[in-house]
Amino acid sequence: MSTNNHADGDEEQLSREEADELIDEIERRRSLKGLAALAVSAIGILFSLFQLALASQSFYFTIPLPLVADIEVGLQLLQANAIHVAFALVLTFLMFPATMGDGAISERLGAAVDDATARLGENNPATRVVDGVRGAFRWAFVDPDRSRVTPFDVVCMGFAALTAVYFLTEFAEIQRMRAFGLDAGRTVTGVYPFLEPVLGGLPFVTEYSYALLLGATGILLVLEATRRTLGLPLMLIVATFIVYARWGFLISGDTPFLGLLAIPPLDWPDIVQNLWYNTENGVFGVPVTVSVSFIYIFILFGAFLEMSGAGQWFIDLAYAATGKRKGGPAKASILASGFMGTISGSSIANTVTTGAFTIPLMKRSGYSPEFSGAVESSASSGGQILPPVMGAAAFLMVQYTATPFRDIILLATVPAVVFFFGVWVMVHLKAVQEDIGGVDDVETASMREHLTRGWFYLVPIFLLLYYLIIERLSVSRSAWFTLVALVALITFLAAYSERTRAFLVGSFAVIMGADLLSFVVAGVPVTGLLGGAGGAGIPVGEAAGIVAPRASWYAMLAGVVTMAVYSDVQSKLLDLNPTVQNTAEAAGDRAGRDLGQNQLFRTGTFVVKSMDEGARTAVPVVIAVAAAGIIPGVISVSGLGPNLTSLLLALSGGSIVVMLLVTAVASIILGMGMPTTVTYIILISMLATPLVEFGIPLLAAHLFILYFGVIADITPPVAVAAYAASGVAKSDPFETGVKAFSLSLNKAIVPFAFVLAPGIVLLREKANAADLPLRERYRMVNFSDLADLTYSVPEILVPIAGVFLGVIALGATVIGTLYTDVNRAERTGFALSSLLLMAPALLSTSVFDLLGFVGVTVSVNALLLDLTMRGAGLVLFAALALKNKRELGSTGGSGTGADQPASA
């Protein structure tokens, strides 16, 4: 193990509270207490309950009110989307401050007070007036410590709630206006007659319909929420598109290039109607529909999994697998971040949560603070591209491409594995270069012991894959069934101990048997029988077919009954997230009782806290998709789409390489400081069609855009994930970002590889492709395709093998080590071999495009050329690797890399 130890007093692990505080600081969230904190939790839990009702029963569900009556609820898609966004808006205005007093207006008011004091004196009436204006502004808007809800927040929350109320109570009017326009709607005083004495004389109120005013207000609220959660740049981009929709007709159609952006005139009622009262585009368009149907329930699934203790177990599992090997802590960081990617789609949260444990250990083993932070942020950014859960953008891809989620999983698997393998190779080569071993003083259980202790955390993941791939259920139903099974599993395990085992299993058998008997005797469940329902019984086999899928609910009920009887039971298997225990103890302190030790209360706290955390995590995502939906909405309503495609094709000069480079650069620039989801929505609206026009498969084009949106999280100068990692590693943020980008360099090359060689992502051109529209020319490969060796070997196996070998060559290029040091000329050779192995078509197509610009046309067999170039890359790589190994041998094993080969 290296003596180069960077550890010092600052390498101690962050506590959970410090990690949460760091995330809040980066994301500018409030740290609320008292009534405000209770309001956030209550609204968040209601939000989650609403989404669970939609997931379990779709848009028609029942709200049970014991001792009163059951309420039947039926919603239209637009109403559900509006409620979804309204919840997110209210939580945004509670959780994120409008300003902390560091904005331009606050600074100018402060400067005005200072100037008046200097000129007129502190006691001058004019000075007091200016100071009073500043004080009123700060009271109404400013939250300097991220700890108070301002009057402006309350007003915004009121209007956000009002938008949802209008959709619920006046939907018939909304439907009518969708046919006749917003001008056909009632005025404010028409909707609320009691306001006639107050507002009846105002021309603005009587001139415009209430629907128009409320829709415009709703759009402004979305823009304000976007500014708070995602930053001013995105808000300005979205606002610019709205301004363009209104005044884009002023662009002359005769202007070269820009003339293609000319649009027909649109007035404000048309714009507001299309952006606010529409499910096809705008705020409540496809992105929000996907959030309602897919994204939220998966975020909630991740929150339940995290609160169950799975996150820490995955980190411990990674260390059990690699912690004591060469470069073990960095390898464990990669594995842990990959595991956490199945829980969280947030690069920042993944970086801080995992990095709080992994980064100090990497530093202790000998990695520099910058490299340690880079490894963690690079690996954490990969969570959004790692199946089976992936990030929110993957669910948008399902909707935009009309592709089953199981196909998206298959599509994304090889590139994701290549990425994590590439980072693994680089940290291993860095360990060889610096002679970094594992961390021997960290207690880790063996893999077998660790799996024995927490195997059940893997059950929900495999169950999700079973529902998606084997049962072929919809995404939302798969997530719902998996979530129910997860809660049942945790409840059952919470009640399990040697003392309660017999009672728990017996309770389960009795409950399930009673329901089975009720169906056999009366054809209804026990609950129906107790309510007076029932009739003819059904055969045992048919009853068993009804009862078996309900096993999760029976297990849940058996666990509750057991914990109610044995209130002091302590599970030896389950180790819930410490946040759950802290919340239970805090609730017990407020109630004056020791509830933190009551297992039933603790399990209930787990469920409630998971719903709360799920809502908090989902808020920025919902705001992001609502805001980003405005851009494709403007493109749709203005008819800009075809013209934009023509403009981009003209600017690219017909070169697919130029088009791909433009897309990649645009993705990175736009993605800096913005969620991948937003980047994806904006760019697929503008760039997906031009890419498909070049013959790139639709799914490959979408995945290409997604990859470069993810890269933006670790690309300087913004590099939000690297910035978060530097906060944990106490390293230089810019240098951390540079190293993170270099470690993720294969993530920038692999997308070019799979769009030019679709076999890498398991896509094959259809036999009748020439007769089909561009979007429908490719399909996922099947077993018969793999069995056809004349196709699968040259177009799938060879390219996939090439990218895996290519990332090793890329690692030697970036790190400067393979078996021993690699000199500058050899690094150039490794770089060339990497390009030839991974994306030879990128090089050949660039050459052909340059020849085409000078009028030279070349016709070759593309497949034969691809295989030849990959073969040349393999020969070059093998020669360089053999030379490097001989150099190590010639030094007697004493060169950089110590005395062992660079095997991972």
Foldseek 3Di string as FASTA:
>chain_A
DFPQFLDDPQLAFDDPVRLVVLVCVLQQWFDEDDPLVVVLLVLLLVLLVLLLQCLVPNQWGWDDDPPPGIDIGHDDLLLLLLVNQLSLLLSLLSTFALELLPDPVSVVLVVVLVVCCVPPNCPDPVSVVSVVVSVVCCQAGHDNRSYDRHVVSVVLNVLSVVRSVCCVPPVVQLVVCVVVFQQPAAFPCVVVVVCCVPCVPPCVRRRGHPLLVSLVSVLVSLLSSCCRRQNDVLSVVLVVLLVCLAPLCVDDLPDPLCSLSHFDHDDSRLLSCLQRSDQCFHLNHLLSSLCSQFALLQLLLLLLLVQQVVLVLQLLLLCLVFQFFQLRLLSSLLRSLQVNLSRDQDLLSSLSVSLSPRQSQSSRQNDALLLSLLSNSLSNLLSQLADDSHHSLLSSLCVVLVHQSLLSNLLRHLLSVLQSLLLVLLSLQLSLQSVGGGDPPDDHDHSVVSCVLAVVSCVLRVQLCCCCPVVVDHNSNSSSLSSLLSLLVSLLLLLDDPVCPVQLVVQLCVQLVQQLVQQQDFVGGPVCVVVVHGHHHDDSVVSCVVSVSCSSVSSNVSSLVSLVVVQQDGGPRTDGDVVLLVVQCVVCVVVVHRRSRGSNSSSVSSSSVSSSVSSVSCSSVSSLSSSLSSQLSSCVSRVSAVSLLVSLCVVQVVALLSLLVVLLVQLLVVLQSGQLNSSLSNCCSRRLVNNLVNLFASSLSSVSSSLSSSLNCLAPPRNSSLQSSCVSSVDDSRSSSVSSSLSSVLSNQQSLLCRVQVLQSQKDFDPPLVPDPSNPGIDGDDPVQCVPCVRCVLRHVQQSVLSSLLSSLSSCLSNQGFQFGHDPVLSVLSNQLSCLSHNVVSVVSVVQVVCVVVPDHDDDDVSVVSVVSNVVSVVSSVVSNVVRVVVCVVVVQPGRSRNDGSDD
